[in-house]
Amino acid sequence: MRYPREWQPDLRVTVRWLVDKKNEKTSGWYKAENVRIEPYITGQTAGVWAIFLAGDRVKIVVGNPSASDLAPNAGPPAASDPYVVQGAPDEEWNYEYPKGVVRGIQ
């Protein structure tokens, strides 16, 4: 994923991910639209992280080189975090790519 050198307040992405749950009715493609990207410091970035959370939620973070903001002991984002977005089943991709495979391919 590419992102601008300088953070912009309107920076948003659409995130799609494939979920394999024990219940087949809730497995499949999920989508979260207009996921805002948390502010990052120009010249101090080291890749993009997708953080998938319980309840089909997602957060996108542009990490800094030390990645201290993503330390294992940091814990999950707060429930009120404005950069966490709720995902939902993606009807289009579930039709086009059932179970992650292009329709019609065995």
Protein backbone atom coordinates (compact mmCIF):
# COMPACT_ATOMS: atom_id res chain seq x y z
CA MET A 1 0.00 0.00 0.00
CA ARG A 2 1.26 3.46 -0.83
CA TYR A 3 0.46 6.52 1.23
CA PRO A 4 1.34 10.23 0.99
CA ARG A 5 4.61 11.41 2.50
CA GLU A 6 2.65 13.92 4.58
CA TRP A 7 -0.42 12.92 6.56
CA GLN A 8 -3.66 14.52 5.38
CA PRO A 9 -6.83 14.87 7.47
CA ASP A 10 -9.04 13.38 4.74
CA LEU A 11 -6.83 10.32 4.19
CA ARG A 12 -9.16 7.30 3.96
CA VAL A 13 -9.05 3.78 2.53
CA THR A 14 -11.39 0.86 1.93
CA VAL A 15 -10.25 -2.35 3.61
CA ARG A 16 -11.41 -5.82 2.52
CA TRP A 17 -10.45 -9.02 4.29
CA LEU A 18 -11.34 -12.69 4.10
CA VAL A 19 -12.72 -14.22 7.30
CA ASP A 20 -12.87 -17.94 8.09
CA LYS A 21 -15.19 -18.34 11.06
CA LYS A 22 -16.56 -21.53 12.56
CA ASN A 23 -20.03 -20.52 11.35
CA GLU A 24 -20.08 -20.67 7.55
CA LYS A 25 -22.89 -18.10 7.37
CA THR A 26 -20.60 -15.44 8.86
CA SER A 27 -17.45 -16.49 6.98
CA GLY A 28 -16.39 -14.73 3.79
CA TRP A 29 -15.32 -11.30 2.65
CA TYR A 30 -15.77 -8.28 4.88
CA LYS A 31 -15.38 -4.63 3.97
CA ALA A 32 -14.88 -1.42 5.92
CA GLU A 33 -15.20 1.80 3.94
CA ASN A 34 -13.84 5.25 4.72
CA VAL A 35 -11.30 3.97 7.23
CA ARG A 36 -9.44 7.05 8.41
CA ILE A 37 -5.68 6.73 8.85
CA GLU A 38 -4.31 7.97 12.15
CA PRO A 39 -1.89 10.95 11.91
CA TYR A 40 1.75 10.04 11.29
CA ILE A 41 4.97 12.05 11.28
CA THR A 42 6.44 13.00 7.89
CA GLY A 43 9.74 11.21 7.28
CA GLN A 44 9.25 8.87 10.25
CA THR A 45 7.23 6.03 8.77
CA ALA A 46 7.94 2.34 8.36
CA GLY A 47 5.07 0.58 6.66
CA VAL A 48 1.36 0.15 7.06
CA TRP A 49 -0.30 -2.06 9.65
CA ALA A 50 -3.85 -3.41 9.46
CA ILE A 51 -5.08 -4.21 12.95
CA PHE A 52 -8.04 -6.59 12.89
CA LEU A 53 -10.13 -6.52 16.04
CA ALA A 54 -12.91 -8.59 17.54
CA GLY A 55 -16.37 -7.87 16.22
CA ASP A 56 -15.22 -7.45 12.60
CA ARG A 57 -13.54 -4.10 13.25
CA VAL A 58 -10.35 -2.78 11.68
CA LYS A 59 -7.82 0.01 12.18
CA ILE A 60 -5.07 1.13 9.78
CA VAL A 61 -1.84 2.58 11.20
CA VAL A 62 1.25 3.92 9.45
CA GLY A 63 3.98 2.79 11.84
CA ASN A 64 7.07 4.67 12.89
CA PRO A 65 10.52 3.05 12.53
CA SER A 66 10.73 2.06 16.20
CA ALA A 67 7.14 0.73 16.11
CA SER A 68 6.82 1.53 19.80
CA ASP A 69 3.26 2.64 19.08
CA LEU A 70 2.49 -0.98 18.09
CA ALA A 71 4.30 -2.65 21.00
CA PRO A 72 2.74 -5.96 22.13
CA ASN A 73 2.04 -4.55 25.60
CA ALA A 74 0.23 -1.51 24.18
CA GLY A 75 -3.12 -3.34 24.24
CA PRO A 76 -6.03 -2.99 21.82
CA PRO A 77 -7.38 0.39 20.72
CA ALA A 78 -9.95 1.99 23.02
CA ALA A 79 -13.63 1.47 22.21
CA SER A 80 -13.89 5.21 21.52
CA ASP A 81 -10.94 5.25 19.07
CA PRO A 82 -12.16 7.30 16.06
CA TYR A 83 -9.84 5.38 13.72
CA VAL A 84 -11.49 2.00 14.37
CA VAL A 85 -14.17 1.17 11.80
CA GLN A 86 -16.83 -1.53 11.83
CA GLY A 87 -16.66 -3.95 8.92
CA ALA A 88 -19.63 -5.68 7.31
CA PRO A 89 -20.08 -8.61 4.93
CA ASP A 90 -19.10 -7.57 1.39
CA GLU A 91 -21.92 -8.89 -0.80
CA GLU A 92 -20.14 -8.04 -4.07
CA TRP A 93 -16.89 -9.83 -3.24
CA ASN A 94 -18.70 -12.75 -1.60
CA TYR A 95 -20.46 -13.29 -4.94
CA GLU A 96 -17.40 -12.67 -7.16
CA TYR A 97 -14.83 -14.49 -5.00
CA PRO A 98 -16.59 -17.14 -2.90
CA LYS A 99 -14.19 -18.44 -0.24
CA GLY A 100 -11.44 -16.29 -1.76
CA VAL A 101 -11.52 -17.92 -5.22
CA VAL A 102 -12.59 -16.31 -8.50
CA ARG A 103 -16.06 -17.60 -9.39
CA GLY A 104 -15.91 -20.43 -11.91
CA ILE A 105 -12.38 -21.59 -11.04
CA GLN A 106 -12.09 -25.01 -9.40
